[in-house]
């Protein structure tokens, strides 16, 4: 899923879908949004709000880890 796909989706639909995603899917969405936020784009605020939603979902799944599970996942990805 690309950042553009995520940003086109209604916020409430995306938030609901996050709950049903696997951890790998959540982490991939976060990675895609992070990369997009680093580009010179007009939708930076919207991108950052979606990143916050994903961060909340990661914290809900891995309480107290401060995104350590995401950072570990990212290190294990050969193409990131």
C-alpha atoms as a PDB file:
ATOM      1  CA  UNK A   1       0.000   0.000   0.000  1.00  0.00           C
ATOM      2  CA  UNK A   2       1.414   3.334  -0.989  1.00  0.00           C
ATOM      3  CA  UNK A   3       1.213   6.560   0.975  1.00  0.00           C
ATOM      4  CA  UNK A   4      -0.965   8.020  -1.791  1.00  0.00           C
ATOM      5  CA  UNK A   5      -3.469   5.177  -1.328  1.00  0.00           C
ATOM      6  CA  UNK A   6      -3.520   5.777   2.416  1.00  0.00           C
ATOM      7  CA  UNK A   7      -3.977   9.527   2.013  1.00  0.00           C
ATOM      8  CA  UNK A   8      -6.888   9.096  -0.429  1.00  0.00           C
ATOM      9  CA  UNK A   9      -8.752   6.925   2.061  1.00  0.00           C
ATOM     10  CA  UNK A  10     -11.186   8.460   4.536  1.00  0.00           C
ATOM     11  CA  UNK A  11      -9.490   8.893   7.931  1.00  0.00           C
ATOM     12  CA  UNK A  12     -12.098   6.897   9.844  1.00  0.00           C
ATOM     13  CA  UNK A  13     -11.931   4.066   7.294  1.00  0.00           C
ATOM     14  CA  UNK A  14      -8.145   3.994   7.543  1.00  0.00           C
ATOM     15  CA  UNK A  15      -8.277   3.961  11.353  1.00  0.00           C
ATOM     16  CA  UNK A  16     -10.728   1.044  11.282  1.00  0.00           C
ATOM     17  CA  UNK A  17      -8.630  -0.829   8.756  1.00  0.00           C
ATOM     18  CA  UNK A  18      -5.500  -0.371  10.870  1.00  0.00           C
ATOM     19  CA  UNK A  19      -7.098  -2.437  13.618  1.00  0.00           C
ATOM     20  CA  UNK A  20      -7.580  -5.359  11.238  1.00  0.00           C
ATOM     21  CA  UNK A  21      -4.094  -5.229   9.680  1.00  0.00           C
ATOM     22  CA  UNK A  22      -1.321  -7.587  10.606  1.00  0.00           C
ATOM     23  CA  UNK A  23       1.678  -6.065  12.357  1.00  0.00           C
ATOM     24  CA  UNK A  24       3.684  -6.318   9.134  1.00  0.00           C
ATOM     25  CA  UNK A  25       0.982  -4.407   7.269  1.00  0.00           C
ATOM     26  CA  UNK A  26       0.893  -1.716   9.952  1.00  0.00           C
ATOM     27  CA  UNK A  27       4.680  -1.390   9.856  1.00  0.00           C
ATOM     28  CA  UNK A  28       4.670  -1.236   6.038  1.00  0.00           C
ATOM     29  CA  UNK A  29       2.048   1.531   6.145  1.00  0.00           C
ATOM     30  CA  UNK A  30       4.185   3.447   8.625  1.00  0.00           C
ATOM     31  CA  UNK A  31       7.269   3.059   6.454  1.00  0.00           C
ATOM     32  CA  UNK A  32       5.409   4.234   3.366  1.00  0.00           C
ATOM     33  CA  UNK A  33       4.030   7.284   5.168  1.00  0.00           C
ATOM     34  CA  UNK A  34       7.427   8.146   6.650  1.00  0.00           C
ATOM     35  CA  UNK A  35       9.069   8.073   3.227  1.00  0.00           C
ATOM     36  CA  UNK A  36       6.284  10.208   1.789  1.00  0.00           C
ATOM     37  CA  UNK A  37       6.630  12.752   4.605  1.00  0.00           C
ATOM     38  CA  UNK A  38      10.276  13.257   3.687  1.00  0.00           C
ATOM     39  CA  UNK A  39       9.350  14.302   0.147  1.00  0.00           C
ATOM     40  CA  UNK A  40       8.522  17.880  -0.748  1.00  0.00           C
ATOM     41  CA  UNK A  41       4.752  17.414  -0.818  1.00  0.00           C
ATOM     42  CA  UNK A  42       1.734  19.629  -0.278  1.00  0.00           C
ATOM     43  CA  UNK A  43      -0.034  17.087   1.928  1.00  0.00           C
ATOM     44  CA  UNK A  44       2.560  16.976   4.702  1.00  0.00           C
ATOM     45  CA  UNK A  45       0.050  17.807   7.489  1.00  0.00           C
ATOM     46  CA  UNK A  46      -2.310  15.066   6.341  1.00  0.00           C
ATOM     47  CA  UNK A  47       0.607  12.647   6.105  1.00  0.00           C
ATOM     48  CA  UNK A  48       1.735  13.491   9.634  1.00  0.00           C
ATOM     49  CA  UNK A  49      -1.786  12.969  10.973  1.00  0.00           C
ATOM     50  CA  UNK A  50      -1.888   9.502   9.382  1.00  0.00           C
ATOM     51  CA  UNK A  51       1.528   8.734  10.860  1.00  0.00           C
ATOM     52  CA  UNK A  52       0.112   9.644  14.283  1.00  0.00           C
ATOM     53  CA  UNK A  53      -2.753   7.175  13.752  1.00  0.00           C
ATOM     54  CA  UNK A  54      -0.301   4.408  12.869  1.00  0.00           C
ATOM     55  CA  UNK A  55       1.887   5.279  15.864  1.00  0.00           C
ATOM     56  CA  UNK A  56      -1.171   4.988  18.116  1.00  0.00           C
ATOM     57  CA  UNK A  57      -1.967   1.563  16.664  1.00  0.00           C
ATOM     58  CA  UNK A  58       1.610   0.359  17.156  1.00  0.00           C
ATOM     59  CA  UNK A  59       1.581   1.617  20.761  1.00  0.00           C
ATOM     60  CA  UNK A  60      -1.744  -0.140  21.350  1.00  0.00           C
ATOM     61  CA  UNK A  61      -0.291  -3.426  20.093  1.00  0.00           C
ATOM     62  CA  UNK A  62       3.092  -3.074  21.775  1.00  0.00           C
ATOM     63  CA  UNK A  63       2.466  -1.008  24.918  1.00  0.00           C
ATOM     64  CA  UNK A  64       5.429   0.736  26.501  1.00  0.00           C
ATOM     65  CA  UNK A  65       7.850  -0.099  23.697  1.00  0.00           C
ATOM     66  CA  UNK A  66       7.946   3.392  22.153  1.00  0.00           C
ATOM     67  CA  UNK A  67       7.942   2.076  18.574  1.00  0.00           C
ATOM     68  CA  UNK A  68      10.857  -0.302  19.262  1.00  0.00           C
ATOM     69  CA  UNK A  69       8.964  -3.090  17.496  1.00  0.00           C
ATOM     70  CA  UNK A  70       8.670  -0.907  14.384  1.00  0.00           C
ATOM     71  CA  UNK A  71      12.362   0.032  14.465  1.00  0.00           C
ATOM     72  CA  UNK A  72      13.286  -3.648  14.822  1.00  0.00           C
ATOM     73  CA  UNK A  73      11.037  -4.530  11.885  1.00  0.00           C
ATOM     74  CA  UNK A  74      12.582  -1.776   9.798  1.00  0.00           C
ATOM     75  CA  UNK A  75      16.106  -3.063  10.446  1.00  0.00           C
ATOM     76  CA  UNK A  76      15.057  -6.541   9.302  1.00  0.00           C
ATOM     77  CA  UNK A  77      13.768  -5.251   5.944  1.00  0.00           C
ATOM     78  CA  UNK A  78      16.471  -5.670   3.289  1.00  0.00           C
ATOM     79  CA  UNK A  79      15.088  -3.091   0.840  1.00  0.00           C
ATOM     80  CA  UNK A  80      14.196  -0.279   3.227  1.00  0.00           C
END
